[in-house]
Amino acid sequence: LDFRNLVSPDNFWRLQVFPYMKATEVDSFTKFVDSLGIDKIKAWWLHKLHNKWILPSIVKSLSKIYPEDWDICSATTNTGEGQHSWINKLTSIGLPLKEAVELARIVDQCVSQEVQCTLQSGILMNHNNGLQQCMSSNIQRHAVTTTKIKKSNTLDQLRDEIEGLKHTRQEALQCQKELEAIYHESSIASKHRNSTGRV
């Protein structure tokens, strides 16, 4: 929803949480949307009302899915969308149809073998727990730690230098004040001598 700039924070929050409303609250929510008087938001809501399948697929209380099944399903499509990236890394994109189907079949066979191994052994396959991946991760962690230490040391040196400059500046300001006081006293004394006629 890109309505954040169109409504108050409270109204925006109410628009955001509509998937959690009860079936009996649809009419009151429709009145709320109408009361906002914003055509873009009205069109957004009318689209959901006119397409009868949308609200039951978003609002649990309107769905015919068993509540237990609803609760175990993810609220986002992130997992499914992540599969596109994963399969594209393995098979590439923009391939001729025959080649794409063959590569996808090979990937599916590998996944099927991993699932069968997992079912037989009870050990989940994980691409991050092989020896090479563990060694690579350890090396990366060590490199990151070393970089952080170097940055930390550099930051410590900079902080010490800044503190030193602050101290030097404070000393210079103190010296300046003392010199100004001496100058002020000297100029008063000089004016006083000149006004008494002494040279």
Protein backbone atom coordinates (compact mmCIF):
# COMPACT_ATOMS: atom_id res chain seq x y z
CA LEU A 1 0.00 0.00 0.00
CA ASP A 2 1.34 3.41 -0.90
CA PHE A 3 -1.32 5.28 1.06
CA ARG A 4 0.96 6.43 3.90
CA ASN A 5 1.10 10.03 2.64
CA LEU A 6 -2.63 10.16 1.96
CA VAL A 7 -3.98 9.43 5.44
CA SER A 8 -3.14 9.90 9.10
CA PRO A 9 -0.91 7.28 10.81
CA ASP A 10 -3.93 5.82 12.66
CA ASN A 11 -5.94 5.47 9.45
CA PHE A 12 -2.96 4.01 7.63
CA TRP A 13 -2.57 1.44 10.41
CA ARG A 14 -6.26 0.52 10.08
CA LEU A 15 -5.83 0.04 6.33
CA GLN A 16 -2.79 -2.16 6.94
CA VAL A 17 -4.50 -4.52 9.37
CA PHE A 18 -7.65 -5.18 7.33
CA PRO A 19 -6.61 -8.85 6.73
CA TYR A 20 -7.21 -9.48 10.44
CA MET A 21 -10.78 -8.18 10.58
CA LYS A 22 -13.75 -10.37 11.45
CA ALA A 23 -16.31 -11.32 8.80
CA THR A 24 -18.84 -9.04 10.49
CA GLU A 25 -16.53 -6.01 10.13
CA VAL A 26 -16.45 -5.84 6.32
CA ASP A 27 -19.37 -3.38 6.13
CA SER A 28 -17.90 -1.09 8.80
CA PHE A 29 -14.51 -1.21 7.04
CA THR A 30 -16.21 -0.29 3.75
CA LYS A 31 -17.84 2.71 5.50
CA PHE A 32 -14.46 3.65 6.96
CA VAL A 33 -12.85 3.58 3.48
CA ASP A 34 -15.70 5.70 2.08
CA SER A 35 -15.37 8.19 4.95
CA LEU A 36 -11.73 8.80 4.00
CA GLY A 37 -12.93 10.35 0.74
CA ILE A 38 -9.81 9.37 -1.18
CA ASP A 39 -10.54 7.95 -4.64
CA LYS A 40 -7.34 5.90 -4.82
CA ILE A 41 -8.17 4.09 -1.57
CA LYS A 42 -11.83 3.65 -2.56
CA ALA A 43 -10.78 2.05 -5.86
CA TRP A 44 -8.36 -0.25 -4.03
CA TRP A 45 -11.12 -1.48 -1.70
CA LEU A 46 -13.81 -1.73 -4.41
CA HIS A 47 -11.48 -3.94 -6.43
CA LYS A 48 -11.41 -6.38 -3.50
CA LEU A 49 -15.18 -6.24 -3.00
CA HIS A 50 -16.01 -6.76 -6.69
CA ASN A 51 -13.66 -9.72 -7.10
CA LYS A 52 -15.29 -12.09 -4.65
CA TRP A 53 -12.28 -14.42 -4.43
CA ILE A 54 -9.82 -11.76 -3.17
CA LEU A 55 -11.09 -11.13 0.36
CA PRO A 56 -11.43 -14.83 1.25
CA SER A 57 -7.83 -15.31 0.14
CA ILE A 58 -6.62 -12.45 2.38
CA VAL A 59 -9.00 -12.36 5.37
CA LYS A 60 -8.91 -15.49 7.51
CA SER A 61 -12.44 -15.07 8.86
CA LEU A 62 -13.85 -15.00 5.31
CA SER A 63 -11.91 -18.00 4.05
CA LYS A 64 -13.23 -21.55 3.68
CA ILE A 65 -9.77 -22.89 4.56
CA TYR A 66 -9.63 -24.68 7.90
CA PRO A 67 -8.15 -22.27 10.51
CA GLU A 68 -5.39 -24.76 11.37
CA ASP A 69 -4.30 -24.90 7.73
CA TRP A 70 -4.54 -21.12 7.39
CA ASP A 71 -2.28 -20.63 10.40
CA ILE A 72 0.51 -22.84 9.08
CA CYS A 73 0.61 -21.05 5.71
CA SER A 74 2.99 -18.14 5.33
CA ALA A 75 1.40 -14.69 5.15
CA THR A 76 3.76 -13.69 2.33
CA THR A 77 4.96 -15.19 -0.93
CA ASN A 78 8.61 -14.61 -0.04
CA THR A 79 9.44 -18.31 0.13
CA GLY A 80 7.95 -19.02 -3.27
CA GLU A 81 9.49 -15.93 -4.80
CA GLY A 82 12.89 -16.96 -3.43
CA GLN A 83 12.61 -20.18 -5.43
CA HIS A 84 12.72 -18.16 -8.67
CA SER A 85 16.12 -16.77 -7.78
CA TRP A 86 17.39 -20.19 -6.69
CA ILE A 87 16.24 -21.99 -9.85
CA ASN A 88 17.59 -19.17 -12.05
CA LYS A 89 21.04 -19.56 -10.45
CA LEU A 90 20.98 -23.27 -11.24
CA THR A 91 19.48 -23.18 -14.75
CA SER A 92 20.06 -19.63 -16.05
CA ILE A 93 17.42 -17.57 -17.87
CA GLY A 94 16.55 -16.80 -21.48
CA LEU A 95 17.25 -20.34 -22.65
CA PRO A 96 15.52 -22.10 -25.54
CA LEU A 97 12.50 -24.06 -24.31
CA LYS A 98 13.97 -27.54 -24.78
CA GLU A 99 17.20 -26.67 -22.96
CA ALA A 100 15.29 -24.97 -20.12
CA VAL A 101 13.05 -28.03 -19.65
CA GLU A 102 16.06 -30.38 -19.60
CA LEU A 103 17.91 -28.27 -17.03
CA ALA A 104 14.79 -27.98 -14.86
CA ARG A 105 14.36 -31.77 -15.04
CA ILE A 106 17.94 -32.29 -13.82
CA VAL A 107 17.40 -29.86 -10.93
CA ASP A 108 14.11 -31.59 -10.02
CA GLN A 109 15.86 -34.99 -9.99
CA CYS A 110 18.58 -33.66 -7.67
CA VAL A 111 15.97 -32.19 -5.33
CA SER A 112 14.04 -35.46 -5.38
CA GLN A 113 17.23 -37.39 -4.45
CA GLU A 114 17.91 -34.98 -1.57
CA VAL A 115 14.35 -35.41 -0.28
CA GLN A 116 14.64 -39.21 -0.49
CA CYS A 117 17.98 -39.14 1.38
CA THR A 118 16.45 -36.93 4.04
CA LEU A 119 13.46 -39.23 4.46
CA GLN A 120 15.70 -42.31 4.71
CA SER A 121 18.39 -40.87 6.98
CA GLY A 122 16.40 -38.35 8.99
CA ILE A 123 19.17 -35.80 8.36
CA LEU A 124 18.16 -32.65 6.54
CA MET A 125 20.31 -31.78 3.55
CA ASN A 126 21.74 -28.30 3.80
CA HIS A 127 24.05 -26.66 1.30
CA ASN A 128 25.57 -24.63 4.13
CA ASN A 129 26.84 -27.50 6.26
CA GLY A 130 29.39 -29.18 3.97
CA LEU A 131 33.10 -29.05 4.82
CA GLN A 132 33.91 -26.56 2.04
CA GLN A 133 31.08 -24.23 3.05
CA CYS A 134 32.04 -24.40 6.73
CA MET A 135 35.69 -23.59 5.93
CA SER A 136 34.65 -20.77 3.60
CA SER A 137 32.31 -19.33 6.25
CA ASN A 138 35.04 -19.50 8.90
CA ILE A 139 37.47 -17.68 6.60
CA GLN A 140 34.87 -15.01 5.84
CA ARG A 141 34.06 -14.56 9.54
CA HIS A 142 37.78 -14.23 10.33
CA ALA A 143 38.24 -11.64 7.53
CA VAL A 144 35.24 -9.63 8.73
CA THR A 145 36.48 -9.75 12.33
CA THR A 146 39.95 -8.60 11.24
CA THR A 147 38.43 -5.74 9.23
CA LYS A 148 36.30 -4.71 12.20
CA ILE A 149 39.34 -4.73 14.49
CA LYS A 150 41.31 -2.60 12.01
CA LYS A 151 38.41 -0.15 11.72
CA SER A 152 38.05 -0.15 15.49
CA ASN A 153 41.76 0.60 15.93
CA THR A 154 41.56 3.35 13.33
CA LEU A 155 38.51 4.77 15.06
CA ASP A 156 40.28 4.59 18.43
CA GLN A 157 43.28 6.44 16.96
CA LEU A 158 41.00 9.09 15.43
CA ARG A 159 39.12 9.49 18.72
CA ASP A 160 42.42 9.88 20.62
CA GLU A 161 43.65 12.43 18.08
CA ILE A 162 40.38 14.38 18.34
CA GLU A 163 40.62 14.36 22.14
CA GLY A 164 44.22 15.59 21.89
CA LEU A 165 43.19 18.40 19.56
CA LYS A 166 40.36 19.36 21.90
CA HIS A 167 42.81 19.51 24.80
CA THR A 168 45.29 21.57 22.73
CA ARG A 169 42.47 23.91 21.69
CA GLN A 170 41.39 24.34 25.32
CA GLU A 171 44.99 25.16 26.30
CA ALA A 172 45.23 27.65 23.42
CA LEU A 173 41.94 29.31 24.45
CA GLN A 174 43.17 29.55 28.04
CA CYS A 175 46.45 31.08 26.88
CA GLN A 176 44.52 33.50 24.64
CA LYS A 177 42.36 34.58 27.60
CA GLU A 178 45.44 35.18 29.74
CA LEU A 179 47.14 37.20 27.00
CA GLU A 180 43.98 39.24 26.41
CA ALA A 181 43.76 39.96 30.14
CA ILE A 182 47.40 41.11 30.19
CA TYR A 183 46.81 43.21 27.09
CA HIS A 184 43.65 44.72 28.61
CA GLU A 185 45.44 45.55 31.86
CA SER A 186 48.38 47.02 29.94
CA SER A 187 46.16 49.18 27.77
CA ILE A 188 44.28 50.50 30.83
CA ALA A 189 47.56 51.28 32.57
CA SER A 190 48.88 52.98 29.43
CA LYS A 191 45.73 55.12 29.13
CA HIS A 192 45.95 55.98 32.82
CA ARG A 193 49.60 57.09 32.45
CA ASN A 194 48.77 59.18 29.40
CA SER A 195 45.87 60.87 31.17
CA THR A 196 48.01 61.87 34.16
CA GLY A 197 50.57 63.48 31.91
CA ARG A 198 53.43 61.20 32.84
CA VAL A 199 55.56 59.80 30.09
